[in-house]
Protein backbone atom coordinates (compact mmCIF):
# COMPACT_ATOMS: atom_id res chain seq x y z
CA MET A 1 -9.89 -29.88 72.14
CA SER A 2 -7.80 -28.01 69.53
CA SER A 3 -9.24 -24.81 68.09
CA VAL A 4 -8.46 -23.00 64.83
CA ILE A 5 -9.28 -19.38 64.01
CA ILE A 6 -9.95 -18.86 60.32
CA THR A 7 -10.24 -15.34 58.92
CA GLY A 8 -12.21 -14.94 55.71
CA SER A 9 -14.02 -18.08 56.81
CA SER A 10 -16.87 -17.66 54.33
CA GLY A 11 -14.53 -17.17 51.39
CA LEU A 12 -12.94 -19.71 49.08
CA ILE A 13 -9.96 -20.79 51.17
CA GLY A 14 -11.49 -20.04 54.56
CA SER A 15 -14.60 -22.15 53.99
CA GLU A 16 -12.55 -25.04 52.59
CA ALA A 17 -10.27 -24.86 55.64
CA ALA A 18 -13.26 -24.71 58.00
CA ARG A 19 -14.75 -27.90 56.57
CA HIS A 20 -11.40 -29.69 56.44
CA PHE A 21 -10.25 -29.00 59.98
CA HIS A 22 -13.74 -29.59 61.33
CA SER A 23 -13.62 -33.04 59.71
CA LEU A 24 -10.37 -33.66 61.61
CA GLY A 25 -12.13 -32.97 64.91
CA TRP A 26 -11.08 -29.37 65.48
CA ASP A 27 -13.30 -26.62 66.87
CA VAL A 28 -13.53 -23.92 64.20
CA ILE A 29 -13.85 -20.20 64.91
CA GLY A 30 -14.73 -18.27 61.77
CA ILE A 31 -14.17 -14.53 61.29
CA ASP A 32 -15.85 -12.93 58.27
CA ASN A 33 -17.88 -9.72 57.94
CA ASP A 34 -18.68 -10.17 54.20
CA LEU A 35 -16.59 -7.22 53.02
CA ARG A 36 -16.47 -9.03 49.69
CA ALA A 37 -20.04 -7.84 49.04
CA LYS A 38 -18.86 -4.25 49.59
CA PHE A 39 -15.85 -4.73 47.35
CA PHE A 40 -17.60 -6.43 44.42
CA GLY A 41 -21.36 -6.10 44.89
CA PRO A 42 -24.12 -8.40 46.15
CA GLY A 43 -23.33 -11.09 43.57
CA ALA A 44 -20.00 -11.65 45.33
CA SER A 45 -21.48 -11.88 48.83
CA THR A 46 -20.28 -14.83 50.90
CA LYS A 47 -23.40 -14.87 53.09
CA TRP A 48 -24.57 -18.10 51.41
CA MET A 49 -21.39 -19.85 52.51
CA LYS A 50 -21.61 -18.53 56.08
CA GLU A 51 -25.13 -19.95 56.36
CA ARG A 52 -23.99 -23.26 54.90
CA LEU A 53 -21.11 -23.58 57.39
CA GLU A 54 -23.34 -22.76 60.33
CA ARG A 55 -25.89 -25.30 59.11
CA GLU A 56 -23.47 -28.14 58.37
CA LEU A 57 -20.64 -27.86 60.93
CA LYS A 58 -21.72 -28.45 64.52
CA ARG A 59 -18.44 -27.19 66.03
CA TYR A 60 -18.30 -24.01 63.96
CA ARG A 61 -18.77 -20.57 65.56
CA HIS A 62 -19.01 -17.45 63.42
CA PHE A 63 -17.97 -13.91 64.33
CA GLU A 64 -18.78 -10.84 62.19
CA THR A 65 -15.57 -9.21 63.42
CA ASP A 66 -13.56 -6.77 61.32
CA ILE A 67 -9.92 -7.90 61.47
CA ARG A 68 -8.83 -4.25 61.64
CA ASN A 69 -10.54 -3.91 65.03
CA ALA A 70 -7.67 -4.66 67.40
CA GLU A 71 -9.80 -4.61 70.54
CA ALA A 72 -12.30 -7.14 69.18
CA VAL A 73 -9.64 -9.42 67.69
CA GLU A 74 -7.57 -9.43 70.87
CA LYS A 75 -10.62 -10.21 72.99
CA LEU A 76 -11.45 -13.18 70.79
CA ALA A 77 -7.85 -14.44 70.88
CA ARG A 78 -7.74 -14.03 74.66
CA ASP A 79 -11.04 -15.88 75.15
CA VAL A 80 -9.94 -18.95 73.16
CA ALA A 81 -6.21 -18.84 73.90
CA SER A 82 -6.10 -22.00 76.01
CA ASP A 83 -7.20 -24.23 73.10
CA LEU A 84 -5.94 -22.14 70.17
CA LYS A 85 -3.44 -24.14 68.14
CA LEU A 86 -3.74 -22.65 64.65
CA ILE A 87 -4.65 -19.42 62.86
CA ILE A 88 -5.34 -19.49 59.12
CA HIS A 89 -5.41 -15.93 57.84
CA ALA A 90 -7.29 -15.95 54.54
CA ALA A 91 -9.18 -12.63 54.78
CA ALA A 92 -8.13 -9.99 52.24
CA GLN A 93 -9.04 -7.30 49.79
CA PRO A 94 -7.97 -9.31 46.71
CA SER A 95 -8.38 -7.06 43.64
CA HIS A 96 -5.82 -4.95 41.75
CA ASP A 97 -8.54 -2.68 40.36
CA TRP A 98 -10.36 -2.16 43.64
CA ALA A 99 -7.11 -1.36 45.49
CA ALA A 100 -6.39 1.47 43.04
CA ARG A 101 -9.82 2.96 43.75
CA GLU A 102 -9.49 2.86 47.55
CA PRO A 103 -5.82 2.45 48.53
CA MET A 104 -6.39 3.29 52.19
CA THR A 105 -9.05 0.59 52.59
CA ASP A 106 -6.95 -1.93 50.71
CA PHE A 107 -3.91 -1.30 52.90
CA SER A 108 -5.90 -1.27 56.13
CA VAL A 109 -7.50 -4.64 55.36
CA ASN A 110 -4.45 -6.41 53.97
CA ALA A 111 -1.57 -4.93 55.97
CA GLN A 112 -3.11 -3.47 59.13
CA GLY A 113 -5.50 -6.40 59.55
CA THR A 114 -2.61 -8.86 59.33
CA LEU A 115 -0.62 -6.90 61.90
CA VAL A 116 -3.59 -6.84 64.27
CA LEU A 117 -3.85 -10.63 64.05
CA LEU A 118 -0.12 -11.17 64.52
CA GLU A 119 -0.11 -8.98 67.62
CA ALA A 120 -3.07 -10.86 69.08
CA VAL A 121 -1.23 -14.13 68.55
CA ARG A 122 2.00 -12.76 70.04
CA LYS A 123 0.18 -11.55 73.16
CA TYR A 124 -2.21 -14.41 73.84
CA ALA A 125 -1.23 -17.51 71.83
CA PRO A 126 2.50 -17.34 71.03
CA ASP A 127 2.75 -21.12 70.63
CA ALA A 128 0.03 -21.23 67.95
CA ILE A 129 0.82 -21.73 64.27
CA PHE A 130 0.08 -18.78 61.98
CA ILE A 131 -0.57 -19.54 58.29
CA PHE A 132 -0.84 -16.54 55.97
CA THR A 133 -2.25 -16.73 52.45
CA SER A 134 -0.07 -14.28 50.56
CA THR A 135 0.06 -13.96 46.76
CA ASN A 136 2.42 -14.22 43.81
CA LYS A 137 1.62 -10.54 43.20
CA VAL A 138 4.30 -9.71 45.78
CA TYR A 139 6.78 -10.22 42.90
CA GLY A 140 5.23 -7.35 40.93
CA ASP A 141 5.76 -7.55 37.18
CA THR A 142 9.21 -9.16 37.46
CA PRO A 143 7.87 -12.44 35.96
CA ASN A 144 7.09 -10.50 32.76
CA ARG A 145 10.83 -10.00 32.20
CA LEU A 146 11.33 -13.71 31.69
CA PRO A 147 12.26 -14.70 28.10
CA LEU A 148 8.83 -15.93 27.07
CA LEU A 149 7.92 -17.59 23.79
CA GLU A 150 4.56 -16.95 22.14
CA LYS A 151 2.76 -20.18 21.25
CA GLU A 152 -0.60 -20.66 19.54
CA THR A 153 -2.67 -20.59 22.74
CA ARG A 154 -0.22 -19.51 25.45
CA TYR A 155 3.04 -17.93 26.44
CA GLU A 156 5.76 -20.36 27.52
CA ILE A 157 9.29 -20.27 28.79
CA SER A 158 12.18 -21.94 27.01
CA GLU A 159 12.87 -25.54 28.01
CA GLU A 160 16.50 -24.50 28.59
CA HIS A 161 15.61 -21.84 31.14
CA PRO A 162 16.53 -22.72 34.78
CA TRP A 163 12.98 -21.84 35.84
CA VAL A 164 11.22 -24.02 33.31
CA MET A 165 9.62 -26.00 36.15
CA GLY A 166 8.30 -22.83 37.75
CA ILE A 167 9.22 -19.63 39.54
CA PRO A 168 11.02 -20.10 42.89
CA GLU A 169 10.81 -18.07 46.08
CA THR A 170 14.23 -16.56 45.30
CA MET A 171 12.73 -14.26 42.64
CA SER A 172 13.21 -10.66 43.79
CA ILE A 173 10.23 -8.60 44.93
CA ASP A 174 12.21 -5.37 44.36
CA GLN A 175 12.66 -3.06 41.36
CA SER A 176 9.35 -3.93 39.77
CA THR A 177 5.92 -2.42 39.23
CA HIS A 178 3.37 -3.75 41.69
CA SER A 179 -0.30 -3.13 41.84
CA LEU A 180 -1.30 -1.39 45.07
CA PHE A 181 -2.89 -4.68 46.08
CA GLY A 182 0.49 -6.33 45.58
CA VAL A 183 2.15 -3.75 47.82
CA SER A 184 -0.32 -4.18 50.68
CA LYS A 185 0.19 -7.94 50.49
CA VAL A 186 3.98 -7.48 50.47
CA ALA A 187 3.70 -5.54 53.73
CA ALA A 188 1.58 -8.28 55.30
CA ASP A 189 3.88 -11.00 53.93
CA LEU A 190 7.00 -9.37 55.40
CA TYR A 191 5.36 -8.65 58.75
CA THR A 192 4.39 -12.30 59.01
CA GLN A 193 7.94 -13.41 58.26
CA GLU A 194 9.39 -10.99 60.80
CA TYR A 195 7.00 -12.00 63.59
CA GLY A 196 8.43 -15.46 63.10
CA ARG A 197 12.06 -14.37 63.09
CA ASN A 198 11.77 -11.71 65.82
CA PHE A 199 9.34 -13.39 68.21
CA GLY A 200 9.73 -17.09 67.40
CA ILE A 201 6.11 -17.49 66.26
CA LYS A 202 5.57 -20.40 63.90
CA THR A 203 4.64 -18.34 60.82
CA ILE A 204 4.24 -19.88 57.36
CA ILE A 205 3.55 -17.85 54.22
CA PHE A 206 1.96 -19.29 51.07
CA ARG A 207 2.40 -17.10 47.99
CA GLY A 208 -0.49 -18.38 45.94
CA GLY A 209 -0.88 -18.63 42.20
CA CYS A 210 -4.51 -18.92 41.08
CA LEU A 211 -6.41 -20.23 44.11
CA THR A 212 -9.79 -21.53 43.04
CA GLY A 213 -12.58 -23.99 43.66
CA PRO A 214 -16.35 -24.37 44.02
CA GLY A 215 -16.54 -22.17 47.13
CA HIS A 216 -15.31 -19.11 45.24
CA SER A 217 -17.80 -16.24 44.85
CA GLY A 218 -16.06 -15.13 41.67
CA THR A 219 -16.53 -11.72 40.05
CA GLU A 220 -14.94 -9.89 37.13
CA LEU A 221 -12.43 -8.20 39.43
CA HIS A 222 -11.41 -11.33 41.30
CA GLY A 223 -11.81 -15.06 40.84
CA PHE A 224 -10.56 -15.97 37.36
CA LEU A 225 -11.70 -19.57 36.88
CA ALA A 226 -14.83 -19.37 39.05
CA TYR A 227 -16.11 -16.25 37.29
CA LEU A 228 -15.20 -17.61 33.87
CA MET A 229 -17.15 -20.81 34.52
CA LYS A 230 -20.07 -18.82 35.93
CA CYS A 231 -20.24 -16.79 32.71
CA ALA A 232 -20.03 -19.92 30.58
CA ALA A 233 -22.79 -21.63 32.56
CA THR A 234 -25.20 -18.66 32.68
CA GLY A 235 -24.56 -17.03 29.30
CA GLN A 236 -23.09 -13.85 30.81
CA PRO A 237 -20.46 -12.06 28.70
CA TYR A 238 -16.81 -12.32 29.75
CA LYS A 239 -13.96 -9.88 29.09
CA VAL A 240 -10.32 -10.83 28.59
CA PHE A 241 -7.78 -8.17 29.64
CA GLY A 242 -4.62 -8.02 27.55
CA TYR A 243 -1.81 -10.36 26.49
CA LYS A 244 -3.96 -11.78 23.65
CA GLY A 245 -5.62 -14.09 26.16
CA LYS A 246 -2.41 -16.14 26.23
CA GLN A 247 -1.47 -15.30 29.82
CA VAL A 248 -0.76 -18.46 31.83
CA ARG A 249 -1.78 -19.23 35.41
CA ASP A 250 -1.13 -22.24 37.53
CA ASN A 251 -4.32 -23.19 39.30
CA ILE A 252 -4.74 -24.96 42.61
CA HIS A 253 -8.01 -26.31 43.99
CA SER A 254 -8.82 -24.97 47.45
CA ALA A 255 -8.95 -28.53 48.78
CA ASP A 256 -5.38 -29.18 47.62
CA LEU A 257 -4.20 -25.95 49.27
CA VAL A 258 -5.93 -26.78 52.55
CA ARG A 259 -4.27 -30.19 52.55
CA ALA A 260 -0.99 -28.25 52.40
CA PHE A 261 -2.16 -26.28 55.46
CA GLU A 262 -2.73 -29.57 57.29
CA GLN A 263 0.81 -30.71 56.52
CA VAL A 264 2.16 -27.45 57.96
CA ALA A 265 -0.04 -27.73 61.05
CA ARG A 266 1.48 -31.13 61.74
CA ASN A 267 5.08 -29.95 61.33
CA PRO A 268 5.36 -26.15 61.42
CA ARG A 269 8.37 -23.97 60.66
CA ILE A 270 9.28 -20.39 61.52
CA GLY A 271 9.16 -17.69 58.85
CA ALA A 272 8.86 -20.20 56.01
CA VAL A 273 7.83 -18.92 52.57
CA TYR A 274 6.45 -21.12 49.80
CA ASN A 275 5.21 -20.42 46.29
CA ILE A 276 2.09 -22.55 45.92
CA GLY A 277 -0.18 -23.28 42.99
CA GLY A 278 -0.76 -25.97 40.42
CA GLY A 279 2.84 -25.86 39.23
CA ARG A 280 3.69 -27.72 36.06
CA GLU A 281 0.94 -30.25 36.79
CA THR A 282 -2.04 -27.88 36.71
CA ASN A 283 -1.90 -24.71 34.63
CA CYS A 284 -3.61 -23.11 31.63
CA SER A 285 -3.82 -19.94 29.60
CA MET A 286 -6.94 -17.81 29.42
CA LEU A 287 -7.71 -19.13 25.92
CA GLU A 288 -7.23 -22.71 27.07
CA ALA A 289 -9.52 -22.16 30.05
CA ILE A 290 -12.23 -20.74 27.77
CA THR A 291 -12.03 -23.85 25.59
CA LEU A 292 -12.35 -26.12 28.62
CA CYS A 293 -15.35 -24.20 29.95
CA GLU A 294 -17.09 -24.43 26.57
CA LYS A 295 -16.44 -28.18 26.52
CA ILE A 296 -17.92 -28.66 29.99
CA VAL A 297 -21.08 -26.57 29.48
CA GLY A 298 -21.59 -27.62 25.86
CA ARG A 299 -21.84 -24.16 24.27
CA GLU A 300 -19.71 -21.22 23.25
CA LEU A 301 -18.80 -18.50 25.71
CA LYS A 302 -19.69 -14.90 24.85
CA TRP A 303 -16.41 -13.11 25.35
CA SER A 304 -14.68 -9.93 24.25
CA TYR A 305 -11.12 -8.64 24.39
CA THR A 306 -9.38 -5.43 25.42
CA ASP A 307 -5.68 -4.77 24.81
CA GLN A 308 -5.18 -3.12 28.20
CA ASN A 309 -3.89 -5.59 30.74
CA ARG A 310 -4.29 -4.99 34.45
CA ILE A 311 -1.40 -3.27 36.26
CA GLY A 312 0.90 -5.83 37.89
CA ASP A 313 -0.69 -8.70 35.97
CA HIS A 314 1.54 -11.57 34.90
CA MET A 315 1.99 -12.92 31.38
CA TRP A 316 3.22 -16.26 32.71
CA TRP A 317 3.08 -17.64 36.21
CA ILE A 318 3.83 -21.20 37.17
CA SER A 319 4.91 -21.86 40.75
CA ASP A 320 7.99 -23.93 41.50
CA LEU A 321 6.60 -26.34 44.10
CA SER A 322 9.91 -28.03 44.87
CA ALA A 323 10.58 -26.17 48.15
CA PHE A 324 7.25 -27.15 49.65
CA LYS A 325 7.40 -30.71 48.34
CA SER A 326 10.90 -31.09 49.76
CA ASP A 327 9.76 -30.00 53.23
CA TYR A 328 6.42 -31.85 53.03
CA PRO A 329 6.88 -34.87 50.72
CA ALA A 330 3.54 -36.45 51.69
CA TRP A 331 1.60 -33.64 49.97
CA GLN A 332 0.43 -33.92 46.38
CA LEU A 333 -2.11 -32.34 44.03
CA HIS A 334 -5.41 -34.17 43.48
CA TYR A 335 -7.05 -31.91 40.85
CA ASP A 336 -6.04 -30.91 37.31
CA VAL A 337 -7.50 -27.86 35.54
CA GLU A 338 -10.43 -29.71 33.96
CA GLY A 339 -11.21 -31.39 37.27
CA ILE A 340 -11.23 -28.01 39.00
CA LEU A 341 -13.56 -26.51 36.41
CA ARG A 342 -15.94 -29.48 36.50
CA ASP A 343 -16.12 -29.26 40.28
CA ILE A 344 -16.87 -25.51 40.14
CA PHE A 345 -19.59 -26.13 37.54
CA GLU A 346 -21.28 -29.10 39.19
CA VAL A 347 -21.44 -27.54 42.66
CA ASN A 348 -22.67 -24.12 41.54
CA VAL A 349 -24.66 -24.40 38.31
CA ASP A 350 -28.08 -24.69 39.97
CA ARG A 351 -27.42 -21.79 42.35
CA TRP A 352 -26.11 -19.57 39.52
CA ASN A 353 -29.07 -20.26 37.26
CA LYS A 354 -31.58 -19.58 40.05
CA ARG A 355 -30.03 -16.14 40.50
CA THR A 356 -30.16 -15.30 36.80
CA ALA A 357 -33.63 -16.76 36.18
């Protein structure tokens, strides 16, 4: 029987991956100690998802292990090594703002935790596939130097620009301003690449755009679409940070991303790096997302605006998906932005309203 270890298993991507690979007949080993509740408060806790996975997936085992604990991680890897075929590393400290408040914790979770996992794989399961969910924030603010045009509801790039279909993996990560979160993810990203190139481990890095879906415990500091829809559905106020609300994100549903993971698990590479998101098919500005949320819930959102954007934030990000689609032509997106938002709303509206009642 094939086993998969999933870190951050109660989070957005981890929980989606747990359900997906379980449905394919895999044994699923989840690692998640609900640090998200510490980072963002009890409203962001993933405990509800942990309980749901344990209730619904008969071949799911959960461990409250901290990925920074090398002894505990190595013991787990050693115990399951004979059946371990895949590691999906989705655990992270994901917020720019939070990283600036506690840089040491941010780095220890994102960089040290990744290194601990890579070492455990190298020692006990060197033939396993290691998928790392990185971020487009590794590019710092370099995307903001693109020659953008201001439209009525969004920023856009000229149709004559070579990157009109999206930003490729060849964009430099150097000579730019990163958030501290971006730096810790750069370290983890590069370590993952080098464990592939130095030790021959099948490592694959996905530099995500806006990863989202109904399993996201969104908060103001992390989880753009999920938190926006939560505010629209419950009447909570929402704040837009900078760029006139015209900043553009490409959005990918967690289910579409996990289907990409499956493609990689079937035909892995070594040290491969892919920008991944909704690409040209699935993207929106903040203003456009607000309009869609209002349409879905049937009322206006209470929102305010501040001129100060977040450090390292992008004015325009659309992923060039051509590299991944070239290597994995069977993969395609199933959700557009409105479909993503409707799914988030329909799955969560009753739970959200119970909490605010």
